[in-house]
């Protein structure tokens, strides 16, 4: 009787642990990346080598066309360096207006992207770690985690597929999300077969022996 009671307690304990860990590669909605709206187009963020025109309304002497330097900054008359790398044109314009306030009462700045020299690098997705062939490839609309894994030849024999992670920048902040590759590949549980965005990185760890 005592032995049976212990077995019953252990059984309930195992069930409770399984429920808490979300077995089978399933995720709670709050643990998933934000939904991608089909009609939404990610706003372009500038990178090194891009060329922009900085236009200051009613101040043609301050209007310039400049490249984004390797350190991520552009040079603007009067205010000097303004951070452009990793930012949208609207963010750069607002920052420039703030810096110009000490020289102009109501500055109005517009940023026009003239050359997208960094777009090819930014518009890529990458997969690294325990896979057959680590890759960096051009992003395609509708591409998912499994599409990228298959492009890379699948996981290798040393991988730990349930420990894979998606690294994504959201609103300028790096975020990490679990990817249960074994559940996707073997069990058909597609909760973590996320739709990818440009700049996403999938990392597949390798087992420690």
Protein backbone atom coordinates (compact mmCIF):
# COMPACT_ATOMS: atom_id res chain seq x y z
CA UNK A 1 0.00 0.00 0.00
CA UNK A 2 2.80 2.40 0.97
CA UNK A 3 4.69 1.54 -2.22
CA UNK A 4 1.59 2.17 -4.34
CA UNK A 5 1.13 5.59 -2.71
CA UNK A 6 4.72 6.56 -3.56
CA UNK A 7 4.18 5.48 -7.19
CA UNK A 8 0.99 7.55 -7.35
CA UNK A 9 2.73 10.67 -6.00
CA UNK A 10 5.62 10.22 -8.45
CA UNK A 11 3.19 9.86 -11.33
CA UNK A 12 1.43 13.10 -10.45
CA UNK A 13 4.80 14.84 -10.02
CA UNK A 14 5.98 13.78 -13.49
CA UNK A 15 2.70 14.91 -15.04
CA UNK A 16 2.96 18.29 -13.32
CA UNK A 17 6.53 18.82 -14.51
CA UNK A 18 5.59 17.85 -18.06
CA UNK A 19 2.68 20.29 -18.06
CA UNK A 20 4.87 23.14 -16.85
CA UNK A 21 7.59 22.61 -19.44
CA UNK A 22 5.19 22.57 -22.40
CA UNK A 23 6.03 19.15 -23.81
CA UNK A 24 5.89 18.28 -27.48
CA UNK A 25 7.39 21.58 -28.64
CA UNK A 26 4.25 23.57 -27.83
CA UNK A 27 4.42 27.18 -26.63
CA UNK A 28 2.11 29.48 -24.74
CA UNK A 29 1.00 32.47 -26.86
CA UNK A 30 2.94 34.86 -24.62
CA UNK A 31 6.18 32.96 -25.30
CA UNK A 32 5.90 33.33 -29.07
CA UNK A 33 7.27 36.18 -31.22
CA UNK A 34 4.71 38.90 -32.09
CA UNK A 35 2.48 37.96 -35.00
CA UNK A 36 3.62 39.19 -38.41
CA UNK A 37 0.90 41.14 -40.19
CA UNK A 38 0.59 40.01 -43.80
CA UNK A 39 0.24 43.58 -45.05
CA UNK A 40 3.00 45.01 -42.89
CA UNK A 41 6.36 45.85 -44.44
CA UNK A 42 9.23 46.28 -41.96
CA UNK A 43 10.49 49.86 -42.09
CA UNK A 44 13.97 50.07 -43.52
CA UNK A 45 16.80 50.68 -41.08
CA UNK A 46 19.98 52.17 -42.43
CA UNK A 47 23.38 50.52 -42.37
CA UNK A 48 26.99 51.30 -43.18
CA UNK A 49 27.45 52.37 -46.80
CA UNK A 50 23.91 53.64 -47.34
CA UNK A 51 23.68 57.20 -48.69
CA UNK A 52 21.06 59.68 -47.46
CA UNK A 53 20.00 63.24 -48.24
CA UNK A 54 19.43 65.41 -45.18
CA UNK A 55 17.01 68.21 -46.09
CA UNK A 56 16.39 71.09 -43.67
CA UNK A 57 13.31 73.11 -44.62
CA UNK A 58 14.10 76.74 -45.59
CA UNK A 59 17.80 76.12 -44.90
CA UNK A 60 19.34 74.96 -48.18
CA UNK A 61 22.85 75.57 -46.83
CA UNK A 62 22.28 72.75 -44.34
CA UNK A 63 21.01 70.29 -46.92
CA UNK A 64 23.60 67.60 -47.68
CA UNK A 65 23.94 64.14 -49.18
CA UNK A 66 26.16 61.95 -47.02
CA UNK A 67 27.06 58.27 -46.54
CA UNK A 68 26.52 56.31 -43.35
CA UNK A 69 30.03 55.76 -42.03
CA UNK A 70 31.30 52.37 -40.78
CA UNK A 71 30.75 53.62 -37.19
CA UNK A 72 27.05 54.16 -38.00
CA UNK A 73 27.06 57.97 -37.95
CA UNK A 74 26.40 60.64 -40.58
CA UNK A 75 27.85 64.15 -40.56
CA UNK A 76 25.32 67.02 -40.56
CA UNK A 77 26.26 70.72 -40.78
CA UNK A 78 26.04 72.65 -37.47
CA UNK A 79 25.24 69.60 -35.32
CA UNK A 80 28.06 67.25 -36.32
CA UNK A 81 27.55 63.50 -35.95
CA UNK A 82 24.07 61.95 -35.89
CA UNK A 83 23.54 58.21 -35.33
CA UNK A 84 22.00 56.60 -38.43
CA UNK A 85 23.02 52.93 -38.36
CA UNK A 86 20.18 50.64 -37.28
CA UNK A 87 17.66 53.48 -37.32
CA UNK A 88 14.80 54.44 -39.61
CA UNK A 89 14.77 57.68 -41.63
CA UNK A 90 12.05 59.05 -39.33
CA UNK A 91 14.18 58.40 -36.23
CA UNK A 92 17.20 60.07 -37.81
CA UNK A 93 15.12 63.10 -38.82
CA UNK A 94 13.71 63.49 -35.28
CA UNK A 95 17.18 63.25 -33.73
CA UNK A 96 18.57 65.81 -36.17
CA UNK A 97 15.69 68.20 -35.45
CA UNK A 98 16.41 67.93 -31.73
CA UNK A 99 20.07 68.77 -32.25
CA UNK A 100 19.21 71.73 -34.51
CA UNK A 101 16.92 73.36 -31.93
CA UNK A 102 19.85 75.29 -30.46
CA UNK A 103 20.43 76.90 -33.87
CA UNK A 104 16.97 77.03 -35.52
CA UNK A 105 13.67 77.83 -33.80
CA UNK A 106 11.47 75.20 -35.49
CA UNK A 107 13.65 72.92 -37.62
CA UNK A 108 11.93 70.59 -40.07
CA UNK A 109 14.15 67.78 -41.31
CA UNK A 110 13.46 65.07 -43.88
CA UNK A 111 15.72 62.12 -44.61
CA UNK A 112 15.68 60.59 -48.08
CA UNK A 113 17.52 57.33 -48.71
CA UNK A 114 19.45 57.71 -51.96
CA UNK A 115 21.41 54.42 -52.04
CA UNK A 116 20.65 51.14 -50.26
CA UNK A 117 24.14 49.72 -50.23
CA UNK A 118 23.66 47.79 -46.98
CA UNK A 119 20.27 46.31 -47.92
CA UNK A 120 21.73 43.02 -49.19
CA UNK A 121 23.39 42.35 -45.83
CA UNK A 122 20.37 43.38 -43.76
CA UNK A 123 17.92 41.41 -45.90
CA UNK A 124 19.43 38.06 -44.98
CA UNK A 125 18.62 35.26 -42.56
CA UNK A 126 21.28 33.04 -40.98
CA UNK A 127 21.55 29.61 -39.40
CA UNK A 128 24.55 28.45 -37.40
CA UNK A 129 25.66 25.68 -35.05
CA UNK A 130 24.80 21.98 -35.26
CA UNK A 131 23.66 21.82 -38.86
CA UNK A 132 25.08 20.29 -42.02
CA UNK A 133 26.04 23.61 -43.63
CA UNK A 134 25.87 26.96 -41.78
CA UNK A 135 24.34 29.50 -44.14
CA UNK A 136 23.50 33.15 -44.70
CA UNK A 137 20.86 33.49 -47.41
CA UNK A 138 18.56 36.16 -48.82
CA UNK A 139 15.23 36.40 -47.03
CA UNK A 140 12.10 35.43 -48.97
CA UNK A 141 8.54 36.38 -48.08
CA UNK A 142 6.85 33.55 -46.20
CA UNK A 143 10.12 31.79 -45.32
CA UNK A 144 9.88 29.72 -42.13
CA UNK A 145 12.31 28.11 -39.71
CA UNK A 146 12.02 24.72 -41.42
CA UNK A 147 12.68 26.30 -44.83
CA UNK A 148 15.96 27.70 -43.54
CA UNK A 149 16.93 24.42 -41.84
CA UNK A 150 16.33 22.48 -45.06
CA UNK A 151 18.34 25.04 -47.05
CA UNK A 152 21.22 24.30 -44.66
CA UNK A 153 20.96 20.54 -45.20
CA UNK A 154 19.24 19.75 -41.88
CA UNK A 155 20.73 19.21 -38.44
CA UNK A 156 23.90 17.17 -38.01
CA UNK A 157 24.49 14.11 -35.83
CA UNK A 158 25.97 16.17 -33.00
CA UNK A 159 23.11 18.65 -32.72
CA UNK A 160 20.70 19.19 -29.87
CA UNK A 161 17.69 20.28 -31.95
CA UNK A 162 15.27 20.90 -29.06
CA UNK A 163 17.68 23.56 -27.74
CA UNK A 164 17.61 25.70 -30.91
CA UNK A 165 16.92 29.41 -30.58
CA UNK A 166 15.63 32.23 -32.78
CA UNK A 167 17.42 35.56 -32.29
CA UNK A 168 15.41 38.57 -33.49
CA UNK A 169 15.59 42.33 -32.95
CA UNK A 170 12.20 43.82 -32.07
CA UNK A 171 11.83 47.60 -31.64
CA UNK A 172 15.60 47.88 -31.39
CA UNK A 173 15.86 45.28 -28.62
CA UNK A 174 17.37 41.77 -29.05
CA UNK A 175 14.94 38.96 -28.21
CA UNK A 176 15.39 35.18 -28.00
CA UNK A 177 12.69 32.57 -28.68
CA UNK A 178 12.83 28.76 -28.34
CA UNK A 179 12.76 26.62 -31.48
CA UNK A 180 11.87 22.96 -30.94
CA UNK A 181 13.38 21.52 -34.11
CA UNK A 182 12.99 17.88 -33.13
CA UNK A 183 9.29 18.41 -32.47
CA UNK A 184 8.96 20.07 -35.88
CA UNK A 185 10.96 17.50 -37.83
CA UNK A 186 9.91 14.27 -36.11
CA UNK A 187 6.53 14.97 -34.53
CA UNK A 188 5.05 17.57 -36.85
CA UNK A 189 4.39 20.01 -33.98
CA UNK A 190 4.70 23.35 -35.76
CA UNK A 191 4.26 25.78 -32.86
CA UNK A 192 7.84 27.02 -33.24
CA UNK A 193 8.04 26.89 -37.04
CA UNK A 194 8.01 30.68 -37.04
CA UNK A 195 7.76 32.85 -40.13
CA UNK A 196 11.16 34.53 -40.47
CA UNK A 197 11.99 38.20 -40.86
CA UNK A 198 15.10 39.80 -42.41
CA UNK A 199 17.95 39.75 -39.90
CA UNK A 200 16.76 36.64 -38.04
CA UNK A 201 19.38 34.19 -36.80
CA UNK A 202 18.71 30.53 -35.91
CA UNK A 203 21.27 28.90 -33.62
CA UNK A 204 21.30 25.11 -33.16
CA UNK A 205 23.50 23.98 -30.22
CA UNK A 206 25.59 20.82 -30.24
CA UNK A 207 25.47 18.20 -27.52
CA UNK A 208 28.16 18.07 -24.86
CA UNK A 209 29.64 14.59 -24.56
